[in-house]
C-alpha cells in the first residue's frame, strides 16, 4: 500500500495502518533527529513526539504532498524546538568543564575518529545549515521537498547547503590532510 492509502486506512479506523507508516518512516526520522540533536536519547524522544503529533494531525494531511515530506516538516519543527529548549536549559546549567575534559572516550580506530570529527564538525554548523545539509545529503531530498519541509525558498536552501559544505570542508580540513 502507498502512504496515501495507509493514511486513508487510518482515517477509516484501521490503527494498524499507522503502525505500517511508523515502521516505514521512523528509521529516517530517527536518523535525521539524531544528526540534528546529537544524542540518540533526544532523537528518540523527538521522533516519538513527531509520530504522536502526526497521528493526531492526520486528518489535516493533504495527499498532494508526500507523506514523508509532511512528516519531516513536523519532525524539523520538533527538532528546532528541542534545540531551543536545550539552549535555554544550558543557560541555567553550569558544567564542570574540567571533569568533562578528564573523561576518556574509547577509540576504535580511524572509523570512530572520523565519526567523532564529523559529529563535532556538524555540531559547529548553524541550525539552518545543518538542517538543510542533512535533508539534502543524508535524507537525499530534492530542494522542492526541502522547501515544503522548512518553509524556506529553494535559493535560500541551496545557499545553506553550499555554506554548510564549505564550513564542513574547513572544519574537516585538518582531518582530511592527516591521512
Protein backbone atom coordinates (compact mmCIF):
# COMPACT_ATOMS: atom_id res chain seq x y z
CA UNK A 1 0.00 0.00 0.00
CA UNK A 2 1.12 3.54 -0.66
CA UNK A 3 1.50 6.04 2.15
CA UNK A 4 -1.63 7.86 0.98
CA UNK A 5 -3.61 4.60 1.05
CA UNK A 6 -2.33 3.87 4.54
CA UNK A 7 -3.35 7.34 5.73
CA UNK A 8 -6.82 6.80 4.29
CA UNK A 9 -6.99 3.43 6.09
CA UNK A 10 -6.02 5.05 9.40
CA UNK A 11 -8.65 7.73 8.93
CA UNK A 12 -11.18 4.98 8.19
CA UNK A 13 -10.41 3.38 11.56
CA UNK A 14 -7.54 0.97 10.84
CA UNK A 15 -5.00 1.89 13.55
CA UNK A 16 -2.69 -0.92 12.34
CA UNK A 17 -2.12 1.08 9.14
CA UNK A 18 -0.38 3.77 11.18
CA UNK A 19 1.95 1.10 12.55
CA UNK A 20 2.96 0.34 8.96
CA UNK A 21 3.60 4.04 8.32
CA UNK A 22 5.64 4.21 11.51
CA UNK A 23 7.79 1.22 10.57
CA UNK A 24 8.27 2.70 7.12
CA UNK A 25 9.33 6.21 8.21
CA UNK A 26 10.60 6.05 11.81
CA UNK A 27 14.16 4.96 10.89
CA UNK A 28 14.66 8.01 8.64
CA UNK A 29 13.11 10.27 11.28
CA UNK A 30 15.41 8.88 13.96
CA UNK A 31 18.46 9.22 11.71
CA UNK A 32 17.65 12.86 10.93
CA UNK A 33 16.80 13.74 14.54
CA UNK A 34 19.97 12.09 15.85
CA UNK A 35 22.10 14.12 13.50
CA UNK A 36 20.20 17.32 14.25
CA UNK A 37 20.21 16.89 18.03
CA UNK A 38 23.44 14.99 18.58
CA UNK A 39 22.13 12.40 21.03
CA UNK A 40 20.17 9.26 20.45
CA UNK A 41 18.08 9.81 23.59
CA UNK A 42 16.90 13.26 22.48
CA UNK A 43 16.33 11.96 18.95
CA UNK A 44 14.18 9.07 20.16
CA UNK A 45 12.08 11.45 22.25
CA UNK A 46 11.61 13.90 19.35
CA UNK A 47 10.84 11.09 16.90
CA UNK A 48 8.22 9.61 19.20
CA UNK A 49 6.70 13.06 19.75
CA UNK A 50 6.67 13.64 15.99
CA UNK A 51 4.84 10.38 15.32
CA UNK A 52 2.25 11.11 18.02
CA UNK A 53 1.70 14.60 16.61
CA UNK A 54 1.44 13.21 13.09
CA UNK A 55 -1.15 10.67 14.19
CA UNK A 56 -3.23 13.36 15.89
CA UNK A 57 -2.97 15.68 12.87
CA UNK A 58 -3.56 13.01 10.23
CA UNK A 59 -6.98 14.37 9.30
CA UNK A 60 -5.21 17.54 8.14
CA UNK A 61 -2.76 15.70 5.88
CA UNK A 62 -3.08 16.68 2.21
CA UNK A 63 -2.24 13.76 -0.09
CA UNK A 64 -0.96 16.24 -2.70
CA UNK A 65 2.16 16.35 -0.53
CA UNK A 66 4.25 13.23 0.01
CA UNK A 67 3.60 11.80 3.47
CA UNK A 68 7.35 11.73 4.18
CA UNK A 69 7.60 15.44 3.35
CA UNK A 70 4.66 16.24 5.62
CA UNK A 71 6.11 14.09 8.41
CA UNK A 72 9.56 15.67 8.06
CA UNK A 73 8.03 19.13 8.36
CA UNK A 74 6.69 18.11 11.76
CA UNK A 75 10.00 16.47 12.66
CA UNK A 76 12.08 19.50 11.65
CA UNK A 77 9.90 21.74 13.80
CA UNK A 78 10.20 19.39 16.77
CA UNK A 79 14.00 19.31 16.36
CA UNK A 80 14.14 23.11 16.27
CA UNK A 81 12.01 23.30 19.41
CA UNK A 82 14.20 20.75 21.19
CA UNK A 83 17.35 22.66 20.27
CA UNK A 84 15.85 25.92 21.52
CA UNK A 85 14.81 24.26 24.78
CA UNK A 86 18.29 22.82 25.18
CA UNK A 87 19.83 26.26 24.66
CA UNK A 88 17.56 27.75 27.30
CA UNK A 89 18.38 24.95 29.75
CA UNK A 90 22.10 25.33 29.07
CA UNK A 91 21.96 28.90 30.29
CA UNK A 92 20.82 27.63 33.68
CA UNK A 93 23.06 24.58 33.96
CA UNK A 94 26.74 25.03 34.55
CA UNK A 95 29.01 22.15 33.59
CA UNK A 96 32.27 21.20 35.18
CA UNK A 97 34.49 21.55 32.10
CA UNK A 98 37.49 20.09 33.92
CA UNK A 99 35.56 16.93 34.78
CA UNK A 100 34.24 16.63 31.25
CA UNK A 101 37.76 17.06 29.88
CA UNK A 102 39.08 14.26 32.11
CA UNK A 103 36.52 11.80 30.83
CA UNK A 104 38.03 9.28 28.46
CA UNK A 105 36.27 8.24 25.31
CA UNK A 106 37.18 4.86 23.89
CA UNK A 107 38.53 4.92 20.35
CA UNK A 108 38.16 2.04 17.97
CA UNK A 109 40.38 3.23 15.14
CA UNK A 110 40.09 5.60 12.20
CA UNK A 111 36.38 4.99 11.53
CA UNK A 112 35.47 6.02 15.08
CA UNK A 113 37.79 9.02 14.90
CA UNK A 114 36.19 10.12 11.63
CA UNK A 115 32.70 9.72 13.10
CA UNK A 116 33.71 11.82 16.10
CA UNK A 117 35.21 14.50 13.83
CA UNK A 118 32.12 14.53 11.60
CA UNK A 119 29.85 14.86 14.60
CA UNK A 120 31.99 17.65 16.01
CA UNK A 121 32.00 19.46 12.67
CA UNK A 122 28.23 19.06 12.24
CA UNK A 123 27.71 20.48 15.74
CA UNK A 124 29.50 23.67 14.70
CA UNK A 125 27.05 24.34 11.86
CA UNK A 126 24.32 26.90 12.41
CA UNK A 127 20.95 25.17 12.83
CA UNK A 128 19.54 26.19 9.43
CA UNK A 129 22.66 24.99 7.61
CA UNK A 130 22.76 21.68 9.50
CA UNK A 131 19.08 21.07 8.76
CA UNK A 132 19.49 21.86 5.04
CA UNK A 133 22.65 19.77 4.75
CA UNK A 134 21.04 16.74 6.40
CA UNK A 135 17.86 16.97 4.34
CA UNK A 136 19.86 17.20 1.10
CA UNK A 137 22.84 14.92 1.64
CA UNK A 138 21.61 12.42 4.21
CA UNK A 139 17.89 12.18 3.51
CA UNK A 140 18.52 12.86 -0.21
CA UNK A 141 15.51 15.11 -0.65
CA UNK A 142 15.19 17.48 -3.57
CA UNK A 143 15.07 21.21 -2.97
CA UNK A 144 11.32 21.44 -3.62
CA UNK A 145 10.66 18.89 -0.84
CA UNK A 146 13.11 20.66 1.43
CA UNK A 147 11.27 23.95 0.82
CA UNK A 148 7.95 22.36 1.81
CA UNK A 149 9.52 20.95 4.97
CA UNK A 150 11.37 24.06 6.11
CA UNK A 151 9.27 26.85 4.66
CA UNK A 152 12.43 28.40 3.18
CA UNK A 153 12.85 29.21 -0.50
CA UNK A 154 14.78 26.93 -2.84
CA UNK A 155 17.54 29.50 -3.45
CA UNK A 156 17.96 30.04 0.31
CA UNK A 157 18.21 26.28 0.83
CA UNK A 158 20.80 25.93 -1.92
CA UNK A 159 22.85 28.65 -0.25
CA UNK A 160 22.52 26.98 3.15
CA UNK A 161 23.68 23.64 1.76
CA UNK A 162 26.59 25.30 -0.06
CA UNK A 163 27.64 27.19 3.07
CA UNK A 164 27.34 24.04 5.17
CA UNK A 165 29.56 22.14 2.73
CA UNK A 166 32.14 24.92 2.76
CA UNK A 167 32.06 25.07 6.56
CA UNK A 168 32.41 21.29 6.90
CA UNK A 169 35.32 21.24 4.45
CA UNK A 170 37.07 23.87 6.54
CA UNK A 171 36.31 22.09 9.81
CA UNK A 172 37.45 18.71 8.47
CA UNK A 173 40.39 20.08 6.51
CA UNK A 174 42.98 19.03 9.06
CA UNK A 175 41.48 15.56 9.36
CA UNK A 176 41.42 15.09 5.59
CA UNK A 177 45.10 16.03 5.29
CA UNK A 178 46.21 13.78 8.14
CA UNK A 179 45.79 10.60 6.08
